[in-house]
Amino acid sequence: MGEWIAANPTELVGLPERSRALRSFVSTGLSFGLTHGVLKSENRLVYAAALKRRRPGMARSDEVDECLERAAFLGRWFSGQPDPFTALALWGLRP
């Protein structure tokens, strides 16, 4: 991750501000996920709960599929970092 950030510094421009602008949406999403059992919380960590399969025929757009694919990539990328505080600091963010 550090190598990619060093090679792509322009991607970080405005990231803290953009992240703060999404805070209410993320908070609402976390609340919804925790309330409905899609997310679980343990030891101050949040993780995906065992999911039920989607109903057959439930439509999903290409945009949603692309968002899910990118979110999965970021999840794998961040989960491979030994220290979440250092990973966030590399991006110019803090919890």
PDB file of N, CA and C in Angstrom:
ATOM      1  N   MET A   1       0.825  -1.180   0.000  1.00  0.00           N
ATOM      2  CA  MET A   1       0.000   0.000   0.000  1.00  0.00           C
ATOM      3  C   MET A   1       0.877   1.255   0.000  1.00  0.00           C
ATOM      4  N   GLY A   2       1.916   1.249   0.828  1.00  0.00           N
ATOM      5  CA  GLY A   2       2.796   2.409   0.907  1.00  0.00           C
ATOM      6  C   GLY A   2       3.445   2.738  -0.422  1.00  0.00           C
ATOM      7  N   GLU A   3       3.850   1.697  -1.150  1.00  0.00           N
ATOM      8  CA  GLU A   3       4.465   1.916  -2.466  1.00  0.00           C
ATOM      9  C   GLU A   3       3.481   2.566  -3.431  1.00  0.00           C
ATOM     10  N   TRP A   4       2.222   2.111  -3.411  1.00  0.00           N
ATOM     11  CA  TRP A   4       1.216   2.668  -4.315  1.00  0.00           C
ATOM     12  C   TRP A   4       0.962   4.135  -3.967  1.00  0.00           C
ATOM     13  N   ILE A   5       0.864   4.435  -2.686  1.00  0.00           N
ATOM     14  CA  ILE A   5       0.617   5.814  -2.257  1.00  0.00           C
ATOM     15  C   ILE A   5       1.775   6.711  -2.691  1.00  0.00           C
ATOM     16  N   ALA A   6       3.013   6.234  -2.514  1.00  0.00           N
ATOM     17  CA  ALA A   6       4.179   7.023  -2.922  1.00  0.00           C
ATOM     18  C   ALA A   6       4.184   7.265  -4.427  1.00  0.00           C
ATOM     19  N   ALA A   7       3.700   6.313  -5.199  1.00  0.00           N
ATOM     20  CA  ALA A   7       3.682   6.442  -6.658  1.00  0.00           C
ATOM     21  C   ALA A   7       2.490   7.249  -7.162  1.00  0.00           C
ATOM     22  N   ASN A   8       1.467   7.446  -6.321  1.00  0.00           N
ATOM     23  CA  ASN A   8       0.240   8.135  -6.742  1.00  0.00           C
ATOM     24  C   ASN A   8      -0.170   9.223  -5.749  1.00  0.00           C
ATOM     25  N   PRO A   9       0.713  10.183  -5.457  1.00  0.00           N
ATOM     26  CA  PRO A   9       0.395  11.181  -4.424  1.00  0.00           C
ATOM     27  C   PRO A   9      -0.806  12.063  -4.753  1.00  0.00           C
ATOM     28  N   THR A  10      -1.092  12.249  -6.029  1.00  0.00           N
ATOM     29  CA  THR A  10      -2.229  13.116  -6.383  1.00  0.00           C
ATOM     30  C   THR A  10      -3.567  12.505  -5.980  1.00  0.00           C
ATOM     31  N   GLU A  11      -3.599  11.195  -5.780  1.00  0.00           N
ATOM     32  CA  GLU A  11      -4.841  10.539  -5.366  1.00  0.00           C
ATOM     33  C   GLU A  11      -5.235  10.922  -3.939  1.00  0.00           C
ATOM     34  N   LEU A  12      -4.286  11.420  -3.169  1.00  0.00           N
ATOM     35  CA  LEU A  12      -4.555  11.789  -1.783  1.00  0.00           C
ATOM     36  C   LEU A  12      -5.038  13.226  -1.625  1.00  0.00           C
ATOM     37  N   VAL A  13      -4.964  14.023  -2.688  1.00  0.00           N
ATOM     38  CA  VAL A  13      -5.368  15.419  -2.601  1.00  0.00           C
ATOM     39  C   VAL A  13      -6.836  15.507  -2.192  1.00  0.00           C
ATOM     40  N   GLY A  14      -7.080  16.174  -1.089  1.00  0.00           N
ATOM     41  CA  GLY A  14      -8.451  16.374  -0.613  1.00  0.00           C
ATOM     42  C   GLY A  14      -9.086  15.163   0.040  1.00  0.00           C
ATOM     43  N   LEU A  15      -8.333  14.071   0.212  1.00  0.00           N
ATOM     44  CA  LEU A  15      -8.929  12.858   0.773  1.00  0.00           C
ATOM     45  C   LEU A  15      -9.491  13.065   2.184  1.00  0.00           C
ATOM     46  N   PRO A  16      -8.784  13.750   3.083  1.00  0.00           N
ATOM     47  CA  PRO A  16      -9.370  13.957   4.415  1.00  0.00           C
ATOM     48  C   PRO A  16     -10.718  14.695   4.366  1.00  0.00           C
ATOM     49  N   GLU A  17     -10.805  15.705   3.532  1.00  0.00           N
ATOM     50  CA  GLU A  17     -12.054  16.463   3.411  1.00  0.00           C
ATOM     51  C   GLU A  17     -13.168  15.599   2.816  1.00  0.00           C
ATOM     52  N   ARG A  18     -12.809  14.848   1.783  1.00  0.00           N
ATOM     53  CA  ARG A  18     -13.813  13.972   1.161  1.00  0.00           C
ATOM     54  C   ARG A  18     -14.268  12.893   2.135  1.00  0.00           C
ATOM     55  N   SER A  19     -13.341  12.394   2.929  1.00  0.00           N
ATOM     56  CA  SER A  19     -13.696  11.379   3.928  1.00  0.00           C
ATOM     57  C   SER A  19     -14.648  11.942   4.974  1.00  0.00           C
ATOM     58  N   ARG A  20     -14.359  13.147   5.447  1.00  0.00           N
ATOM     59  CA  ARG A  20     -15.250  13.773   6.437  1.00  0.00           C
ATOM     60  C   ARG A  20     -16.640  14.006   5.849  1.00  0.00           C
ATOM     61  N   ALA A  21     -16.710  14.346   4.570  1.00  0.00           N
ATOM     62  CA  ALA A  21     -18.005  14.589   3.926  1.00  0.00           C
ATOM     63  C   ALA A  21     -18.854  13.319   3.877  1.00  0.00           C
ATOM     64  N   LEU A  22     -18.224  12.153   3.907  1.00  0.00           N
ATOM     65  CA  LEU A  22     -18.947  10.874   3.854  1.00  0.00           C
ATOM     66  C   LEU A  22     -19.273  10.311   5.234  1.00  0.00           C
ATOM     67  N   ARG A  23     -18.798  10.981   6.279  1.00  0.00           N
ATOM     68  CA  ARG A  23     -18.933  10.439   7.635  1.00  0.00           C
ATOM     69  C   ARG A  23     -20.373  10.099   8.010  1.00  0.00           C
ATOM     70  N   SER A  24     -21.316  10.976   7.733  1.00  0.00           N
ATOM     71  CA  SER A  24     -22.708  10.703   8.123  1.00  0.00           C
ATOM     72  C   SER A  24     -23.267   9.501   7.360  1.00  0.00           C
ATOM     73  N   PHE A  25     -22.875   9.334   6.100  1.00  0.00           N
ATOM     74  CA  PHE A  25     -23.349   8.199   5.313  1.00  0.00           C
ATOM     75  C   PHE A  25     -22.772   6.883   5.850  1.00  0.00           C
ATOM     76  N   VAL A  26     -21.482   6.915   6.177  1.00  0.00           N
ATOM     77  CA  VAL A  26     -20.831   5.719   6.712  1.00  0.00           C
ATOM     78  C   VAL A  26     -21.430   5.361   8.068  1.00  0.00           C
ATOM     79  N   SER A  27     -21.647   6.367   8.896  1.00  0.00           N
ATOM     80  CA  SER A  27     -22.237   6.136  10.218  1.00  0.00           C
ATOM     81  C   SER A  27     -23.629   5.518  10.095  1.00  0.00           C
ATOM     82  N   THR A  28     -24.428   6.051   9.192  1.00  0.00           N
ATOM     83  CA  THR A  28     -25.763   5.508   8.963  1.00  0.00           C
ATOM     84  C   THR A  28     -25.686   4.078   8.446  1.00  0.00           C
ATOM     85  N   GLY A  29     -24.773   3.817   7.525  1.00  0.00           N
ATOM     86  CA  GLY A  29     -24.603   2.469   6.984  1.00  0.00           C
ATOM     87  C   GLY A  29     -24.158   1.475   8.045  1.00  0.00           C
ATOM     88  N   LEU A  30     -23.226   1.887   8.901  1.00  0.00           N
ATOM     89  CA  LEU A  30     -22.783   1.012   9.987  1.00  0.00           C
ATOM     90  C   LEU A  30     -23.935   0.720  10.944  1.00  0.00           C
ATOM     91  N   SER A  31     -24.679   1.754  11.289  1.00  0.00           N
ATOM     92  CA  SER A  31     -25.834   1.567  12.190  1.00  0.00           C
ATOM     93  C   SER A  31     -26.835   0.590  11.587  1.00  0.00           C
ATOM     94  N   PHE A  32     -27.139   0.789  10.321  1.00  0.00           N
ATOM     95  CA  PHE A  32     -28.088  -0.077   9.633  1.00  0.00           C
ATOM     96  C   PHE A  32     -27.574  -1.523   9.617  1.00  0.00           C
ATOM     97  N   GLY A  33     -26.316  -1.688   9.236  1.00  0.00           N
ATOM     98  CA  GLY A  33     -25.737  -3.023   9.158  1.00  0.00           C
ATOM     99  C   GLY A  33     -25.699  -3.733  10.504  1.00  0.00           C
ATOM    100  N   LEU A  34     -25.351  -3.013  11.549  1.00  0.00           N
ATOM    101  CA  LEU A  34     -25.316  -3.604  12.892  1.00  0.00           C
ATOM    102  C   LEU A  34     -26.718  -3.936  13.389  1.00  0.00           C
ATOM    103  N   THR A  35     -27.667  -3.054  13.123  1.00  0.00           N
ATOM    104  CA  THR A  35     -29.054  -3.265  13.555  1.00  0.00           C
ATOM    105  C   THR A  35     -29.675  -4.478  12.881  1.00  0.00           C
ATOM    106  N   HIS A  36     -29.360  -4.679  11.600  1.00  0.00           N
ATOM    107  CA  HIS A  36     -29.992  -5.749  10.827  1.00  0.00           C
ATOM    108  C   HIS A  36     -29.136  -7.010  10.723  1.00  0.00           C
ATOM    109  N   GLY A  37     -28.048  -7.070  11.476  1.00  0.00           N
ATOM    110  CA  GLY A  37     -27.248  -8.288  11.532  1.00  0.00           C
ATOM    111  C   GLY A  37     -26.365  -8.543  10.332  1.00  0.00           C
ATOM    112  N   VAL A  38     -26.207  -7.565   9.465  1.00  0.00           N
ATOM    113  CA  VAL A  38     -25.323  -7.725   8.315  1.00  0.00           C
ATOM    114  C   VAL A  38     -23.876  -7.522   8.755  1.00  0.00           C
ATOM    115  N   LEU A  39     -23.705  -6.678   9.770  1.00  0.00           N
ATOM    116  CA  LEU A  39     -22.397  -6.439  10.366  1.00  0.00           C
ATOM    117  C   LEU A  39     -22.424  -6.871  11.818  1.00  0.00           C
ATOM    118  N   LYS A  40     -21.272  -7.250  12.319  1.00  0.00           N
ATOM    119  CA  LYS A  40     -21.117  -7.622  13.725  1.00  0.00           C
ATOM    120  C   LYS A  40     -19.990  -6.777  14.309  1.00  0.00           C
ATOM    121  N   SER A  41     -20.055  -6.558  15.597  1.00  0.00           N
ATOM    122  CA  SER A  41     -19.019  -5.796  16.284  1.00  0.00           C
ATOM    123  C   SER A  41     -18.498  -6.618  17.453  1.00  0.00           C
ATOM    124  N   GLU A  42     -17.182  -6.697  17.540  1.00  0.00           N
ATOM    125  CA  GLU A  42     -16.549  -7.441  18.623  1.00  0.00           C
ATOM    126  C   GLU A  42     -15.188  -6.811  18.911  1.00  0.00           C
ATOM    127  N   ASN A  43     -14.915  -6.547  20.169  1.00  0.00           N
ATOM    128  CA  ASN A  43     -13.637  -5.942  20.575  1.00  0.00           C
ATOM    129  C   ASN A  43     -13.333  -4.663  19.800  1.00  0.00           C
ATOM    130  N   ARG A  44     -14.351  -3.834  19.631  1.00  0.00           N
ATOM    131  CA  ARG A  44     -14.234  -2.543  18.933  1.00  0.00           C
ATOM    132  C   ARG A  44     -13.903  -2.692  17.448  1.00  0.00           C
ATOM    133  N   LEU A  45     -14.100  -3.883  16.887  1.00  0.00           N
ATOM    134  CA  LEU A  45     -13.901  -4.119  15.463  1.00  0.00           C
ATOM    135  C   LEU A  45     -15.247  -4.430  14.827  1.00  0.00           C
ATOM    136  N   VAL A  46     -15.412  -4.032  13.593  1.00  0.00           N
ATOM    137  CA  VAL A  46     -16.637  -4.315  12.851  1.00  0.00           C
ATOM    138  C   VAL A  46     -16.273  -5.242  11.702  1.00  0.00           C
ATOM    139  N   TYR A  47     -17.073  -6.278  11.512  1.00  0.00           N
ATOM    140  CA  TYR A  47     -16.810  -7.211  10.426  1.00  0.00           C
ATOM    141  C   TYR A  47     -18.133  -7.697   9.850  1.00  0.00           C
ATOM    142  N   ALA A  48     -18.054  -8.266   8.668  1.00  0.00           N
ATOM    143  CA  ALA A  48     -19.262  -8.777   8.009  1.00  0.00           C
ATOM    144  C   ALA A  48     -19.750 -10.026   8.713  1.00  0.00           C
ATOM    145  N   ALA A  49     -21.037 -10.087   8.912  1.00  0.00           N
ATOM    146  CA  ALA A  49     -21.653 -11.284   9.493  1.00  0.00           C
ATOM    147  C   ALA A  49     -21.883 -12.294   8.371  1.00  0.00           C
ATOM    148  N   ALA A  50     -22.228 -13.495   8.740  1.00  0.00           N
ATOM    149  CA  ALA A  50     -22.584 -14.499   7.739  1.00  0.00           C
ATOM    150  C   ALA A  50     -23.831 -13.992   7.015  1.00  0.00           C
ATOM    151  N   LEU A  51     -23.749 -13.929   5.724  1.00  0.00           N
ATOM    152  CA  LEU A  51     -24.849 -13.364   4.943  1.00  0.00           C
ATOM    153  C   LEU A  51     -25.727 -14.451   4.357  1.00  0.00           C
ATOM    154  N   LYS A  52     -26.996 -14.139   4.289  1.00  0.00           N
ATOM    155  CA  LYS A  52     -27.924 -15.023   3.590  1.00  0.00           C
ATOM    156  C   LYS A  52     -27.783 -14.745   2.105  1.00  0.00           C
ATOM    157  N   ARG A  53     -28.080 -15.707   1.313  1.00  0.00           N
ATOM    158  CA  ARG A  53     -28.005 -15.514  -0.135  1.00  0.00           C
ATOM    159  C   ARG A  53     -29.107 -14.582  -0.598  1.00  0.00           C
ATOM    160  N   ARG A  54     -28.795 -13.841  -1.650  1.00  0.00           N
ATOM    161  CA  ARG A  54     -29.824 -12.983  -2.242  1.00  0.00           C
ATOM    162  C   ARG A  54     -30.930 -13.844  -2.816  1.00  0.00           C
ATOM    163  N   ARG A  55     -32.106 -13.282  -2.816  1.00  0.00           N
ATOM    164  CA  ARG A  55     -33.230 -13.986  -3.416  1.00  0.00           C
ATOM    165  C   ARG A  55     -32.982 -14.154  -4.915  1.00  0.00           C
ATOM    166  N   PRO A  56     -33.349 -15.290  -5.477  1.00  0.00           N
ATOM    167  CA  PRO A  56     -33.193 -15.488  -6.924  1.00  0.00           C
ATOM    168  C   PRO A  56     -33.953 -14.400  -7.690  1.00  0.00           C
ATOM    169  N   GLY A  57     -33.332 -13.909  -8.726  1.00  0.00           N
ATOM    170  CA  GLY A  57     -33.976 -12.904  -9.562  1.00  0.00           C
ATOM    171  C   GLY A  57     -33.836 -11.491  -9.036  1.00  0.00           C
ATOM    172  N   MET A  58     -33.164 -11.303  -7.900  1.00  0.00           N
ATOM    173  CA  MET A  58     -32.984  -9.965  -7.349  1.00  0.00           C
ATOM    174  C   MET A  58     -31.967  -9.226  -8.218  1.00  0.00           C
ATOM    175  N   ALA A  59     -32.406  -8.163  -8.848  1.00  0.00           N
ATOM    176  CA  ALA A  59     -31.570  -7.444  -9.812  1.00  0.00           C
ATOM    177  C   ALA A  59     -30.534  -6.576  -9.107  1.00  0.00           C
ATOM    178  N   ARG A  60     -29.399  -6.412  -9.772  1.00  0.00           N
ATOM    179  CA  ARG A  60     -28.350  -5.540  -9.282  1.00  0.00           C
ATOM    180  C   ARG A  60     -27.739  -4.858 -10.496  1.00  0.00           C
ATOM    181  N   SER A  61     -27.434  -3.587 -10.368  1.00  0.00           N
ATOM    182  CA  SER A  61     -26.900  -2.845 -11.501  1.00  0.00           C
ATOM    183  C   SER A  61     -25.394  -3.083 -11.646  1.00  0.00           C
ATOM    184  N   ASP A  62     -24.877  -2.735 -12.815  1.00  0.00           N
ATOM    185  CA  ASP A  62     -23.440  -2.823 -13.055  1.00  0.00           C
ATOM    186  C   ASP A  62     -22.686  -1.911 -12.095  1.00  0.00           C
ATOM    187  N   GLU A  63     -23.285  -0.749 -11.784  1.00  0.00           N
ATOM    188  CA  GLU A  63     -22.648   0.194 -10.865  1.00  0.00           C
ATOM    189  C   GLU A  63     -22.508  -0.424  -9.468  1.00  0.00           C
ATOM    190  N   VAL A  64     -23.536  -1.107  -9.001  1.00  0.00           N
ATOM    191  CA  VAL A  64     -23.473  -1.760  -7.692  1.00  0.00           C
ATOM    192  C   VAL A  64     -22.416  -2.858  -7.714  1.00  0.00           C
ATOM    193  N   ASP A  65     -22.377  -3.652  -8.776  1.00  0.00           N
ATOM    194  CA  ASP A  65     -21.364  -4.712  -8.886  1.00  0.00           C
ATOM    195  C   ASP A  65     -19.953  -4.124  -8.854  1.00  0.00           C
ATOM    196  N   GLU A  66     -19.755  -2.997  -9.541  1.00  0.00           N
ATOM    197  CA  GLU A  66     -18.436  -2.349  -9.554  1.00  0.00           C
ATOM    198  C   GLU A  66     -18.081  -1.828  -8.160  1.00  0.00           C
ATOM    199  N   CYS A  67     -19.031  -1.238  -7.463  1.00  0.00           N
ATOM    200  CA  CYS A  67     -18.786  -0.754  -6.097  1.00  0.00           C
ATOM    201  C   CYS A  67     -18.418  -1.911  -5.168  1.00  0.00           C
ATOM    202  N   LEU A  68     -19.130  -3.015  -5.278  1.00  0.00           N
ATOM    203  CA  LEU A  68     -18.842  -4.179  -4.442  1.00  0.00           C
ATOM    204  C   LEU A  68     -17.453  -4.741  -4.734  1.00  0.00           C
ATOM    205  N   GLU A  69     -17.088  -4.776  -5.994  1.00  0.00           N
ATOM    206  CA  GLU A  69     -15.775  -5.285  -6.382  1.00  0.00           C
ATOM    207  C   GLU A  69     -14.663  -4.400  -5.814  1.00  0.00           C
ATOM    208  N   ARG A  70     -14.832  -3.085  -5.915  1.00  0.00           N
ATOM    209  CA  ARG A  70     -13.814  -2.168  -5.407  1.00  0.00           C
ATOM    210  C   ARG A  70     -13.756  -2.186  -3.882  1.00  0.00           C
ATOM    211  N   ALA A  71     -14.910  -2.305  -3.242  1.00  0.00           N
ATOM    212  CA  ALA A  71     -14.939  -2.387  -1.779  1.00  0.00           C
ATOM    213  C   ALA A  71     -14.236  -3.654  -1.301  1.00  0.00           C
ATOM    214  N   ALA A  72     -14.439  -4.755  -2.009  1.00  0.00           N
ATOM    215  CA  ALA A  72     -13.772  -6.012  -1.646  1.00  0.00           C
ATOM    216  C   ALA A  72     -12.259  -5.870  -1.789  1.00  0.00           C
ATOM    217  N   PHE A  73     -11.815  -5.199  -2.854  1.00  0.00           N
ATOM    218  CA  PHE A  73     -10.386  -4.976  -3.053  1.00  0.00           C
ATOM    219  C   PHE A  73      -9.809  -4.167  -1.893  1.00  0.00           C
ATOM    220  N   LEU A  74     -10.472  -3.059  -1.551  1.00  0.00           N
ATOM    221  CA  LEU A  74      -9.984  -2.231  -0.447  1.00  0.00           C
ATOM    222  C   LEU A  74      -9.995  -2.991   0.868  1.00  0.00           C
ATOM    223  N   GLY A  75     -11.020  -3.794   1.081  1.00  0.00           N
ATOM    224  CA  GLY A  75     -11.085  -4.605   2.289  1.00  0.00           C
ATOM    225  C   GLY A  75      -9.907  -5.555   2.399  1.00  0.00           C
ATOM    226  N   ARG A  76      -9.581  -6.209   1.298  1.00  0.00           N
ATOM    227  CA  ARG A  76      -8.426  -7.123   1.298  1.00  0.00           C
ATOM    228  C   ARG A  76      -7.126  -6.343   1.507  1.00  0.00           C
ATOM    229  N   TRP A  77      -7.022  -5.184   0.865  1.00  0.00           N
ATOM    230  CA  TRP A  77      -5.815  -4.366   0.945  1.00  0.00           C
ATOM    231  C   TRP A  77      -5.599  -3.880   2.378  1.00  0.00           C
ATOM    232  N   PHE A  78      -6.643  -3.334   2.994  1.00  0.00           N
ATOM    233  CA  PHE A  78      -6.512  -2.820   4.354  1.00  0.00           C
ATOM    234  C   PHE A  78      -6.369  -3.947   5.374  1.00  0.00           C
ATOM    235  N   SER A  79      -7.017  -5.070   5.162  1.00  0.00           N
ATOM    236  CA  SER A  79      -6.919  -6.167   6.130  1.00  0.00           C
ATOM    237  C   SER A  79      -5.524  -6.768   6.166  1.00  0.00           C
ATOM    238  N   GLY A  80      -4.751  -6.569   5.121  1.00  0.00           N
ATOM    239  CA  GLY A  80      -3.392  -7.083   5.084  1.00  0.00           C
ATOM    240  C   GLY A  80      -2.390  -6.177   5.775  1.00  0.00           C
ATOM    241  N   GLN A  81      -2.843  -5.040   6.269  1.00  0.00           N
ATOM    242  CA  GLN A  81      -1.948  -4.106   6.951  1.00  0.00           C
ATOM    243  C   GLN A  81      -1.834  -4.480   8.424  1.00  0.00           C
ATOM    244  N   PRO A  82      -0.616  -4.531   8.949  1.00  0.00           N
ATOM    245  CA  PRO A  82      -0.452  -4.967  10.343  1.00  0.00           C
ATOM    246  C   PRO A  82      -1.000  -3.969  11.362  1.00  0.00           C
ATOM    247  N   ASP A  83      -0.992  -2.695  11.035  1.00  0.00           N
ATOM    248  CA  ASP A  83      -1.428  -1.679  11.987  1.00  0.00           C
ATOM    249  C   ASP A  83      -2.402  -0.722  11.315  1.00  0.00           C
ATOM    250  N   PRO A  84      -3.672  -0.722  11.713  1.00  0.00           N
ATOM    251  CA  PRO A  84      -4.651   0.144  11.050  1.00  0.00           C
ATOM    252  C   PRO A  84      -4.336   1.626  11.196  1.00  0.00           C
ATOM    253  N   PHE A  85      -3.741   2.036  12.312  1.00  0.00           N
ATOM    254  CA  PHE A  85      -3.423   3.455  12.505  1.00  0.00           C
ATOM    255  C   PHE A  85      -2.348   3.920  11.532  1.00  0.00           C
ATOM    256  N   THR A  86      -1.369   3.069  11.291  1.00  0.00           N
ATOM    257  CA  THR A  86      -0.325   3.397  10.326  1.00  0.00           C
ATOM    258  C   THR A  86      -0.898   3.433   8.916  1.00  0.00           C
ATOM    259  N   ALA A  87      -1.765   2.485   8.603  1.00  0.00           N
ATOM    260  CA  ALA A  87      -2.375   2.455   7.266  1.00  0.00           C
ATOM    261  C   ALA A  87      -3.170   3.737   7.021  1.00  0.00           C
ATOM    262  N   LEU A  88      -3.956   4.155   7.998  1.00  0.00           N
ATOM    263  CA  LEU A  88      -4.720   5.397   7.842  1.00  0.00           C
ATOM    264  C   LEU A  88      -3.787   6.606   7.727  1.00  0.00           C
ATOM    265  N   ALA A  89      -2.719   6.621   8.515  1.00  0.00           N
ATOM    266  CA  ALA A  89      -1.767   7.735   8.462  1.00  0.00           C
ATOM    267  C   ALA A  89      -1.122   7.848   7.089  1.00  0.00           C
ATOM    268  N   LEU A  90      -0.845   6.711   6.442  1.00  0.00           N
ATOM    269  CA  LEU A  90      -0.281   6.742   5.090  1.00  0.00           C
ATOM    270  C   LEU A  90      -1.194   7.488   4.125  1.00  0.00           C
ATOM    271  N   TRP A  91      -2.487   7.383   4.368  1.00  0.00           N
ATOM    272  CA  TRP A  91      -3.479   8.042   3.520  1.00  0.00           C
ATOM    273  C   TRP A  91      -3.770   9.474   3.971  1.00  0.00           C
ATOM    274  N   GLY A  92      -3.126   9.905   5.054  1.00  0.00           N
ATOM    275  CA  GLY A  92      -3.364  11.252   5.571  1.00  0.00           C
ATOM    276  C   GLY A  92      -4.641  11.323   6.397  1.00  0.00           C
ATOM    277  N   LEU A  93      -5.067  10.178   6.933  1.00  0.00           N
ATOM    278  CA  LEU A  93      -6.303  10.109   7.709  1.00  0.00           C
ATOM    279  C   LEU A  93      -5.984   9.699   9.136  1.00  0.00           C
ATOM    280  N   ARG A  94      -6.947   9.945  10.023  1.00  0.00           N
ATOM    281  CA  ARG A  94      -6.828   9.465  11.397  1.00  0.00           C
ATOM    282  C   ARG A  94      -8.220   9.049  11.863  1.00  0.00           C
ATOM    283  N   PRO A  95      -8.274   8.090  12.800  1.00  0.00           N
ATOM    284  CA  PRO A  95      -9.585   7.614  13.261  1.00  0.00           C
ATOM    285  C   PRO A  95     -10.356   8.690  14.009  1.00  0.00           C
TER     286      PRO A  95
END
